[in-house]
Amino acid sequence: MASEGQVEIGIVARPHGVRGELRVHLHNPESTAIDVVAAIFVGERGYEIAKTRIVKGAALVCLKGLDDRDAAQLLVGKPVSVLRNELELEDDELLLSDFLGCELSLPDGSPWGKVVEVVAGTQDRLVIHQGDIERYLPLVDVFIQSFDLKGKSAIVTPPEELPEWERE
């Protein structure tokens, strides 16, 4: 899991070649995050990037100080994250991870739960818990009326008839 200020972008899949290059599977295959940062975190340790290249389904990454396959093998399965403030985001651009832990309310101010998970896919969804109730809200602009990144809160206008489930 990424530390405060970090955004997880992928996972080390395997070494690539014999010189310590890593094959990183990106959570969002279309992401350019790894191309715009100078360093990444693999697990808890930070590394300066020597070189990256995008290949089908992954990024191949050379890290300074990591120069053999055995050292690269030790990083397999570890999460890869970057510093959020190094990403080239538009002023109103949000990341899926921004929604985690966010307290939701309806336009009238009544609480509507807390985001406990974001399910990425063809249609990204927020998993929301409110007491014993679990909801899935499609992550589309029309349902998110406002978002406060610093306050970790949002006002939502969910569709009528949105299914709810009792959590066990």
Protein backbone atom coordinates (compact mmCIF):
# COMPACT_ATOMS: atom_id res chain seq x y z
CA MET A 1 0.00 0.00 0.00
CA ALA A 2 1.31 3.45 -0.91
CA SER A 3 2.22 5.89 1.87
CA GLU A 4 0.65 9.32 2.28
CA GLY A 5 1.41 11.43 -0.79
CA GLN A 6 2.08 8.36 -2.92
CA VAL A 7 -0.15 6.80 -5.54
CA GLU A 8 0.16 3.12 -6.38
CA ILE A 9 0.41 2.71 -10.15
CA GLY A 10 1.32 -0.95 -10.61
CA ILE A 11 3.15 -4.02 -9.43
CA VAL A 12 6.51 -5.59 -10.27
CA ALA A 13 5.65 -8.61 -12.40
CA ARG A 14 9.11 -10.05 -13.08
CA PRO A 15 12.68 -9.25 -14.03
CA HIS A 16 13.30 -8.53 -17.69
CA GLY A 17 16.68 -9.66 -18.97
CA VAL A 18 19.83 -10.06 -16.90
CA ARG A 19 20.71 -6.43 -16.09
CA GLY A 20 18.09 -5.72 -13.43
CA GLU A 21 15.35 -4.29 -15.65
CA LEU A 22 11.85 -4.73 -14.19
CA ARG A 23 8.60 -5.52 -15.96
CA VAL A 24 5.95 -3.44 -14.19
CA HIS A 25 2.30 -4.18 -14.84
CA LEU A 26 0.45 -0.87 -14.57
CA HIS A 27 -2.98 -0.77 -12.95
CA ASN A 28 -4.05 1.49 -15.81
CA PRO A 29 -2.34 0.26 -18.98
CA GLU A 30 -2.87 3.69 -20.58
CA SER A 31 -1.18 5.55 -17.71
CA THR A 32 1.79 7.76 -18.50
CA ALA A 33 2.67 8.30 -14.83
CA ILE A 34 5.86 6.28 -14.97
CA ASP A 35 7.08 8.41 -17.91
CA VAL A 36 6.75 11.75 -16.10
CA VAL A 37 8.38 11.00 -12.73
CA ALA A 38 12.06 10.89 -11.82
CA ALA A 39 11.69 8.23 -9.15
CA ILE A 40 9.39 5.42 -8.05
CA PHE A 41 8.83 3.51 -4.84
CA VAL A 42 8.99 -0.26 -4.97
CA GLY A 43 7.50 -1.48 -1.75
CA GLU A 44 8.79 1.00 0.82
CA ARG A 45 12.06 1.86 -0.92
CA GLY A 46 12.57 4.74 -3.34
CA TYR A 47 14.59 4.35 -6.55
CA GLU A 48 15.71 6.86 -9.15
CA ILE A 49 14.62 5.89 -12.66
CA ALA A 50 17.41 5.44 -15.19
CA LYS A 51 15.17 4.58 -18.15
CA THR A 52 11.63 3.45 -18.96
CA ARG A 53 9.91 2.15 -22.03
CA ILE A 54 6.35 1.12 -22.56
CA VAL A 55 5.68 -2.30 -24.09
CA LYS A 56 2.43 -4.13 -24.65
CA GLY A 57 0.71 -4.48 -21.30
CA ALA A 58 3.56 -3.16 -19.14
CA ALA A 59 6.44 -0.77 -18.58
CA LEU A 60 10.06 -1.90 -18.60
CA VAL A 61 11.96 0.07 -15.99
CA CYS A 62 15.69 0.40 -15.30
CA LEU A 63 16.46 1.71 -11.82
CA LYS A 64 19.73 3.29 -10.73
CA GLY A 65 21.61 0.91 -8.43
CA LEU A 66 19.65 -2.15 -9.53
CA ASP A 67 21.84 -3.88 -12.07
CA ASP A 68 21.32 -7.63 -11.94
CA ARG A 69 18.52 -10.14 -12.33
CA ASP A 70 18.86 -11.56 -8.80
CA ALA A 71 18.30 -8.12 -7.24
CA ALA A 72 15.34 -7.54 -9.57
CA GLN A 73 13.85 -10.92 -8.65
CA LEU A 74 13.65 -9.83 -4.99
CA LEU A 75 11.21 -7.07 -6.00
CA VAL A 76 8.68 -9.31 -7.76
CA GLY A 77 5.17 -8.84 -6.40
CA LYS A 78 5.91 -5.52 -4.71
CA PRO A 79 3.68 -2.52 -5.39
CA VAL A 80 5.05 0.38 -7.43
CA SER A 81 4.03 3.90 -6.47
CA VAL A 82 4.91 7.48 -7.37
CA LEU A 83 4.62 10.80 -5.57
CA ARG A 84 1.27 12.36 -6.37
CA ASN A 85 2.75 15.87 -6.58
CA GLU A 86 5.06 14.74 -9.42
CA LEU A 87 2.17 13.69 -11.63
CA GLU A 88 1.02 16.07 -14.33
CA LEU A 89 -2.61 16.40 -13.28
CA GLU A 90 -5.08 19.05 -14.41
CA ASP A 91 -6.52 21.21 -11.62
CA ASP A 92 -9.83 19.33 -11.59
CA GLU A 93 -8.37 15.89 -12.35
CA LEU A 94 -8.80 13.17 -9.72
CA LEU A 95 -7.31 9.72 -9.34
CA LEU A 96 -9.35 6.67 -8.42
CA SER A 97 -7.33 6.37 -5.20
CA ASP A 98 -8.51 9.86 -4.18
CA PHE A 99 -11.92 8.39 -3.43
CA LEU A 100 -10.68 5.83 -0.88
CA GLY A 101 -11.79 6.78 2.62
CA CYS A 102 -13.98 9.57 1.28
CA GLU A 103 -17.12 10.38 3.31
CA LEU A 104 -20.15 10.75 1.04
CA SER A 105 -23.26 12.75 1.63
CA LEU A 106 -26.41 13.56 -0.33
CA PRO A 107 -27.22 17.11 -1.51
CA ASP A 108 -29.47 17.60 1.54
CA GLY A 109 -26.45 16.92 3.80
CA SER A 110 -27.50 13.49 5.01
CA PRO A 111 -24.63 10.97 5.23
CA TRP A 112 -24.49 8.30 2.53
CA GLY A 113 -21.48 6.21 3.61
CA LYS A 114 -17.75 5.89 3.22
CA VAL A 115 -15.82 4.68 0.16
CA VAL A 116 -13.95 1.52 1.19
CA GLU A 117 -12.83 0.33 -2.25
CA VAL A 118 -12.65 1.44 -5.84
CA VAL A 119 -13.26 -1.28 -8.41
CA ALA A 120 -11.55 -0.36 -11.66
CA GLY A 121 -12.92 -1.75 -14.88
CA THR A 122 -14.93 -0.89 -17.95
CA GLN A 123 -17.16 1.04 -15.56
CA ASP A 124 -15.24 2.10 -12.42
CA ARG A 125 -17.34 1.72 -9.27
CA LEU A 126 -17.12 3.00 -5.72
CA VAL A 127 -17.81 0.43 -2.99
CA ILE A 128 -19.57 2.28 -0.19
CA HIS A 129 -20.29 1.10 3.33
CA GLN A 130 -22.83 2.73 5.60
CA GLY A 131 -23.37 0.66 8.71
CA ASP A 132 -24.47 -2.79 7.57
CA ILE A 133 -25.34 -1.56 4.06
CA GLU A 134 -23.06 -1.92 1.03
CA ARG A 135 -23.62 0.01 -2.19
CA TYR A 136 -21.87 0.19 -5.56
CA LEU A 137 -21.96 3.59 -7.20
CA PRO A 138 -20.80 3.88 -10.83
CA LEU A 139 -18.06 6.50 -10.95
CA VAL A 140 -19.47 8.92 -13.49
CA ASP A 141 -19.53 12.71 -13.37
CA VAL A 142 -23.31 12.96 -13.22
CA PHE A 143 -23.35 11.19 -9.80
CA ILE A 144 -20.50 13.21 -8.23
CA GLN A 145 -21.84 16.70 -7.52
CA SER A 146 -18.72 17.98 -5.72
CA PHE A 147 -15.47 16.59 -4.31
CA ASP A 148 -13.20 17.96 -1.57
CA LEU A 149 -9.79 16.31 -1.88
CA LYS A 150 -8.33 17.80 1.31
CA GLY A 151 -11.46 17.10 3.35
CA LYS A 152 -11.89 13.61 1.84
CA SER A 153 -15.59 14.23 1.25
CA ALA A 154 -17.99 14.37 -1.65
CA ILE A 155 -21.61 15.17 -2.35
CA VAL A 156 -23.25 12.54 -4.54
CA THR A 157 -26.54 12.29 -6.38
CA PRO A 158 -27.01 8.53 -6.80
CA PRO A 159 -29.57 7.19 -9.23
CA GLU A 160 -32.92 6.16 -7.83
CA GLU A 161 -33.35 2.42 -7.39
CA LEU A 162 -29.63 1.87 -6.73
CA PRO A 163 -29.41 -1.63 -5.20
CA GLU A 164 -28.15 -2.07 -1.63
CA TRP A 165 -26.88 -5.20 0.11
CA GLU A 166 -26.58 -6.14 3.74
CA ARG A 167 -22.97 -6.77 4.70
CA GLU A 168 -22.15 -9.85 6.71
